[in-house]
Amino acid sequence: VVLDLPINAPEAVDEGEFQELIQEVCCGLPVQEVLLSKTTRKLLIRLEDCVTMAQLESISPAISKLPSLETSGRVAGVILTVKSQQFHFISRYFAPWNGIPEDPVTGSAHTVLAPYWSGQLGLQTMLARQCSARGGVLEVCLGSEGRMEVAGESVIVLEGAIQT
């Protein structure tokens, strides 16, 4: 499946902003940088490069606490990401504000991740892994006119028919 989506570049936040939320979701993993995509309300937390895929996969933040730690309405989801040896970058995405404890593989999160990592790595096309329990590998490609493609395998979770 290939999705054509808008690019949602994140911007740096003030130091110390969202501190309690960051501490809870990172479970002690070291943070390098924090940014926010205002259009998607996704908080991007880049972890230090020393963090491994196994460490990212093993954390278990108290998801039910997150909405009470950020009540301004500026954040609707949190992305944790780190540079990877096997992929260009890896991530996890939590959105309890929207009733989604952890999204297994999230196209919309990659509309924030791709422009960030493109700037860091100087690449337009990258391979990414979302490290949820189900997980998934995506290829992201930044295009022109503020658009990008997210490609990967899909899983059917619901089938139905609309009666007219």
C-alpha atoms as a PDB file:
ATOM      1  CA  VAL A   1       0.000   0.000   0.000  1.00  0.00           C
ATOM      2  CA  VAL A   2       1.256   3.493  -0.851  1.00  0.00           C
ATOM      3  CA  LEU A   3      -0.297   6.559   0.769  1.00  0.00           C
ATOM      4  CA  ASP A   4       0.082  10.106  -0.589  1.00  0.00           C
ATOM      5  CA  LEU A   5       0.096  12.360   2.486  1.00  0.00           C
ATOM      6  CA  PRO A   6       0.939  15.948   3.408  1.00  0.00           C
ATOM      7  CA  ILE A   7       4.304  16.745   4.995  1.00  0.00           C
ATOM      8  CA  ASN A   8       3.911  17.991   8.586  1.00  0.00           C
ATOM      9  CA  ALA A   9       7.320  19.314   9.603  1.00  0.00           C
ATOM     10  CA  PRO A  10       7.836  19.712  13.359  1.00  0.00           C
ATOM     11  CA  GLU A  11       9.308  22.768  15.086  1.00  0.00           C
ATOM     12  CA  ALA A  12      11.469  22.963  18.199  1.00  0.00           C
ATOM     13  CA  VAL A  13       9.709  23.576  21.511  1.00  0.00           C
ATOM     14  CA  ASP A  14      11.014  25.676  24.386  1.00  0.00           C
ATOM     15  CA  GLU A  15      13.382  23.845  26.720  1.00  0.00           C
ATOM     16  CA  GLY A  16      11.507  22.402  29.688  1.00  0.00           C
ATOM     17  CA  GLU A  17       8.159  22.470  27.883  1.00  0.00           C
ATOM     18  CA  PHE A  18       6.120  19.239  28.261  1.00  0.00           C
ATOM     19  CA  GLN A  19       8.719  18.009  30.803  1.00  0.00           C
ATOM     20  CA  GLU A  20       6.445  15.730  32.873  1.00  0.00           C
ATOM     21  CA  LEU A  21       4.972  14.163  29.739  1.00  0.00           C
ATOM     22  CA  ILE A  22       8.439  13.574  28.284  1.00  0.00           C
ATOM     23  CA  GLN A  23       9.704  11.965  31.494  1.00  0.00           C
ATOM     24  CA  GLU A  24       6.737   9.593  31.670  1.00  0.00           C
ATOM     25  CA  VAL A  25       6.719   8.482  28.031  1.00  0.00           C
ATOM     26  CA  CYS A  26      10.508   8.041  27.761  1.00  0.00           C
ATOM     27  CA  CYS A  27      10.799   5.792  30.832  1.00  0.00           C
ATOM     28  CA  GLY A  28      14.312   7.038  31.568  1.00  0.00           C
ATOM     29  CA  LEU A  29      15.688   6.827  28.026  1.00  0.00           C
ATOM     30  CA  PRO A  30      17.919   9.848  27.244  1.00  0.00           C
ATOM     31  CA  VAL A  31      16.334  12.639  25.185  1.00  0.00           C
ATOM     32  CA  GLN A  32      18.265  14.553  22.511  1.00  0.00           C
ATOM     33  CA  GLU A  33      15.619  16.896  21.105  1.00  0.00           C
ATOM     34  CA  VAL A  34      11.897  17.717  21.361  1.00  0.00           C
ATOM     35  CA  LEU A  35       9.764  19.154  18.548  1.00  0.00           C
ATOM     36  CA  LEU A  36       6.066  19.652  17.862  1.00  0.00           C
ATOM     37  CA  SER A  37       4.069  19.441  14.651  1.00  0.00           C
ATOM     38  CA  LYS A  38       1.440  22.103  15.255  1.00  0.00           C
ATOM     39  CA  THR A  39      -0.743  20.909  12.363  1.00  0.00           C
ATOM     40  CA  THR A  40      -0.997  17.305  13.632  1.00  0.00           C
ATOM     41  CA  ARG A  41      -0.411  18.069  17.338  1.00  0.00           C
ATOM     42  CA  LYS A  42       2.198  15.309  17.429  1.00  0.00           C
ATOM     43  CA  LEU A  43       5.081  15.761  19.864  1.00  0.00           C
ATOM     44  CA  LEU A  44       8.287  14.289  18.404  1.00  0.00           C
ATOM     45  CA  ILE A  45      10.862  13.213  20.970  1.00  0.00           C
ATOM     46  CA  ARG A  46      14.215  12.250  19.490  1.00  0.00           C
ATOM     47  CA  LEU A  47      16.133   9.966  21.771  1.00  0.00           C
ATOM     48  CA  GLU A  48      19.918   9.969  21.921  1.00  0.00           C
ATOM     49  CA  ASP A  49      21.660   7.807  19.323  1.00  0.00           C
ATOM     50  CA  CYS A  50      22.922   5.400  22.001  1.00  0.00           C
ATOM     51  CA  VAL A  51      19.354   4.078  22.495  1.00  0.00           C
ATOM     52  CA  THR A  52      18.937   0.673  20.841  1.00  0.00           C
ATOM     53  CA  MET A  53      15.918  -0.851  19.129  1.00  0.00           C
ATOM     54  CA  ALA A  54      15.641  -3.357  21.982  1.00  0.00           C
ATOM     55  CA  GLN A  55      15.526  -0.518  24.528  1.00  0.00           C
ATOM     56  CA  LEU A  56      12.865   1.368  22.553  1.00  0.00           C
ATOM     57  CA  GLU A  57      10.786  -1.798  22.200  1.00  0.00           C
ATOM     58  CA  SER A  58      11.063  -2.665  25.897  1.00  0.00           C
ATOM     59  CA  ILE A  59       9.771   0.548  27.478  1.00  0.00           C
ATOM     60  CA  SER A  60       6.261   0.526  28.883  1.00  0.00           C
ATOM     61  CA  PRO A  61       5.044   4.024  29.739  1.00  0.00           C
ATOM     62  CA  ALA A  62       1.911   4.488  31.846  1.00  0.00           C
ATOM     63  CA  ILE A  63      -0.245   5.347  28.825  1.00  0.00           C
ATOM     64  CA  SER A  64      -3.322   6.165  30.909  1.00  0.00           C
ATOM     65  CA  LYS A  65      -1.365   8.934  32.699  1.00  0.00           C
ATOM     66  CA  LEU A  66      -0.293  10.776  29.547  1.00  0.00           C
ATOM     67  CA  PRO A  67      -3.513  12.780  28.918  1.00  0.00           C
ATOM     68  CA  SER A  68      -3.418  14.177  32.452  1.00  0.00           C
ATOM     69  CA  LEU A  69       0.187  15.329  31.942  1.00  0.00           C
ATOM     70  CA  GLU A  70      -0.700  17.428  28.866  1.00  0.00           C
ATOM     71  CA  THR A  71      -4.067  19.156  28.999  1.00  0.00           C
ATOM     72  CA  SER A  72      -3.432  22.288  26.894  1.00  0.00           C
ATOM     73  CA  GLY A  73      -4.738  20.641  23.722  1.00  0.00           C
ATOM     74  CA  ARG A  74      -1.424  21.256  21.922  1.00  0.00           C
ATOM     75  CA  VAL A  75      -0.525  17.528  21.964  1.00  0.00           C
ATOM     76  CA  ALA A  76      -2.704  14.698  20.632  1.00  0.00           C
ATOM     77  CA  GLY A  77       0.047  12.104  20.224  1.00  0.00           C
ATOM     78  CA  VAL A  78       3.672  11.405  21.152  1.00  0.00           C
ATOM     79  CA  ILE A  79       6.305   9.994  18.798  1.00  0.00           C
ATOM     80  CA  LEU A  80       9.514   8.529  20.197  1.00  0.00           C
ATOM     81  CA  THR A  81      12.248   8.171  17.589  1.00  0.00           C
ATOM     82  CA  VAL A  82      15.926   7.336  17.325  1.00  0.00           C
ATOM     83  CA  LYS A  83      18.496   6.862  14.586  1.00  0.00           C
ATOM     84  CA  SER A  84      19.005   3.185  13.793  1.00  0.00           C
ATOM     85  CA  GLN A  85      21.729   0.941  12.419  1.00  0.00           C
ATOM     86  CA  GLN A  86      19.340  -1.399  10.597  1.00  0.00           C
ATOM     87  CA  PHE A  87      16.915   1.308   9.359  1.00  0.00           C
ATOM     88  CA  HIS A  88      17.336   5.045   8.855  1.00  0.00           C
ATOM     89  CA  PHE A  89      15.185   5.602  11.949  1.00  0.00           C
ATOM     90  CA  ILE A  90      12.849   3.727  14.279  1.00  0.00           C
ATOM     91  CA  SER A  91       9.872   4.950  16.296  1.00  0.00           C
ATOM     92  CA  ARG A  92       6.896   4.291  18.549  1.00  0.00           C
ATOM     93  CA  TYR A  93       3.652   6.304  18.633  1.00  0.00           C
ATOM     94  CA  PHE A  94       1.243   6.812  21.549  1.00  0.00           C
ATOM     95  CA  ALA A  95      -2.088   8.672  21.232  1.00  0.00           C
ATOM     96  CA  PRO A  96      -4.280   8.084  24.312  1.00  0.00           C
ATOM     97  CA  TRP A  97      -5.789  11.565  23.787  1.00  0.00           C
ATOM     98  CA  ASN A  98      -7.538   9.968  20.792  1.00  0.00           C
ATOM     99  CA  GLY A  99      -8.324   6.639  22.463  1.00  0.00           C
ATOM    100  CA  ILE A 100      -5.284   4.916  20.898  1.00  0.00           C
ATOM    101  CA  PRO A 101      -2.879   3.624  23.574  1.00  0.00           C
ATOM    102  CA  GLU A 102      -0.221   2.720  20.972  1.00  0.00           C
ATOM    103  CA  ASP A 103      -0.735   2.707  17.225  1.00  0.00           C
ATOM    104  CA  PRO A 104       1.081  -0.296  15.707  1.00  0.00           C
ATOM    105  CA  VAL A 105       2.122   1.385  12.430  1.00  0.00           C
ATOM    106  CA  THR A 106       1.162   5.003  11.817  1.00  0.00           C
ATOM    107  CA  GLY A 107       1.258   6.734   8.437  1.00  0.00           C
ATOM    108  CA  SER A 108       0.384  10.115   9.930  1.00  0.00           C
ATOM    109  CA  ALA A 109       3.260   9.943  12.442  1.00  0.00           C
ATOM    110  CA  HIS A 110       5.625   9.426   9.526  1.00  0.00           C
ATOM    111  CA  THR A 111       4.432  12.703   7.968  1.00  0.00           C
ATOM    112  CA  VAL A 112       6.185  14.300  10.961  1.00  0.00           C
ATOM    113  CA  LEU A 113       9.111  11.871  11.168  1.00  0.00           C
ATOM    114  CA  ALA A 114      10.078  11.955   7.472  1.00  0.00           C
ATOM    115  CA  PRO A 115      10.752  15.706   7.177  1.00  0.00           C
ATOM    116  CA  TYR A 116      12.613  15.669  10.501  1.00  0.00           C
ATOM    117  CA  TRP A 117      14.881  12.759   9.559  1.00  0.00           C
ATOM    118  CA  SER A 118      15.304  14.061   6.014  1.00  0.00           C
ATOM    119  CA  GLY A 119      16.811  17.205   7.519  1.00  0.00           C
ATOM    120  CA  GLN A 120      19.030  15.182   9.852  1.00  0.00           C
ATOM    121  CA  LEU A 121      20.233  12.631   7.294  1.00  0.00           C
ATOM    122  CA  GLY A 122      20.092  14.619   4.041  1.00  0.00           C
ATOM    123  CA  LEU A 123      17.913  11.947   2.380  1.00  0.00           C
ATOM    124  CA  GLN A 124      14.598  12.130   0.533  1.00  0.00           C
ATOM    125  CA  THR A 125      13.838   8.392   0.706  1.00  0.00           C
ATOM    126  CA  MET A 126      14.277   6.459   3.948  1.00  0.00           C
ATOM    127  CA  LEU A 127      13.457   3.094   5.472  1.00  0.00           C
ATOM    128  CA  ALA A 128      11.770   3.200   8.873  1.00  0.00           C
ATOM    129  CA  ARG A 129      10.523   0.705  11.434  1.00  0.00           C
ATOM    130  CA  GLN A 130       7.754   1.344  13.933  1.00  0.00           C
ATOM    131  CA  CYS A 131       8.604  -0.765  16.974  1.00  0.00           C
ATOM    132  CA  SER A 132       5.186  -1.577  18.450  1.00  0.00           C
ATOM    133  CA  ALA A 133       4.320  -5.154  19.420  1.00  0.00           C
ATOM    134  CA  ARG A 134       2.988  -5.785  15.896  1.00  0.00           C
ATOM    135  CA  GLY A 135       5.425  -3.393  14.264  1.00  0.00           C
ATOM    136  CA  GLY A 136       6.012  -2.632  10.649  1.00  0.00           C
ATOM    137  CA  VAL A 137       8.534  -1.410   8.121  1.00  0.00           C
ATOM    138  CA  LEU A 138       7.750   1.628   5.978  1.00  0.00           C
ATOM    139  CA  GLU A 139       9.484   3.379   3.126  1.00  0.00           C
ATOM    140  CA  VAL A 140       8.985   7.134   3.219  1.00  0.00           C
ATOM    141  CA  CYS A 141       9.718   9.413   0.292  1.00  0.00           C
ATOM    142  CA  LEU A 142       9.464  13.196   0.398  1.00  0.00           C
ATOM    143  CA  GLY A 143       8.077  14.644  -2.797  1.00  0.00           C
ATOM    144  CA  SER A 144       7.283  18.077  -4.075  1.00  0.00           C
ATOM    145  CA  GLU A 145       4.587  20.590  -3.220  1.00  0.00           C
ATOM    146  CA  GLY A 146       4.440  19.600   0.450  1.00  0.00           C
ATOM    147  CA  ARG A 147       3.520  15.958  -0.211  1.00  0.00           C
ATOM    148  CA  MET A 148       5.147  12.620   0.575  1.00  0.00           C
ATOM    149  CA  GLU A 149       4.556   8.910   0.122  1.00  0.00           C
ATOM    150  CA  VAL A 150       4.427   6.297   2.859  1.00  0.00           C
ATOM    151  CA  ALA A 151       4.653   2.711   1.604  1.00  0.00           C
ATOM    152  CA  GLY A 152       4.447  -0.619   3.402  1.00  0.00           C
ATOM    153  CA  GLU A 153       2.566  -3.821   3.989  1.00  0.00           C
ATOM    154  CA  SER A 154      -1.001  -3.493   5.265  1.00  0.00           C
ATOM    155  CA  VAL A 155      -3.128  -5.558   7.614  1.00  0.00           C
ATOM    156  CA  ILE A 156      -6.902  -5.820   7.174  1.00  0.00           C
ATOM    157  CA  VAL A 157      -8.518  -5.168  10.535  1.00  0.00           C
ATOM    158  CA  LEU A 158     -12.114  -4.709   9.402  1.00  0.00           C
ATOM    159  CA  GLU A 159     -14.137  -5.618   6.329  1.00  0.00           C
ATOM    160  CA  GLY A 160     -17.689  -4.650   5.509  1.00  0.00           C
ATOM    161  CA  ALA A 161     -20.157  -3.391   2.970  1.00  0.00           C
ATOM    162  CA  ILE A 162     -22.174  -0.200   2.843  1.00  0.00           C
ATOM    163  CA  GLN A 163     -25.816  -0.720   1.944  1.00  0.00           C
ATOM    164  CA  THR A 164     -27.368   1.960  -0.240  1.00  0.00           C
END
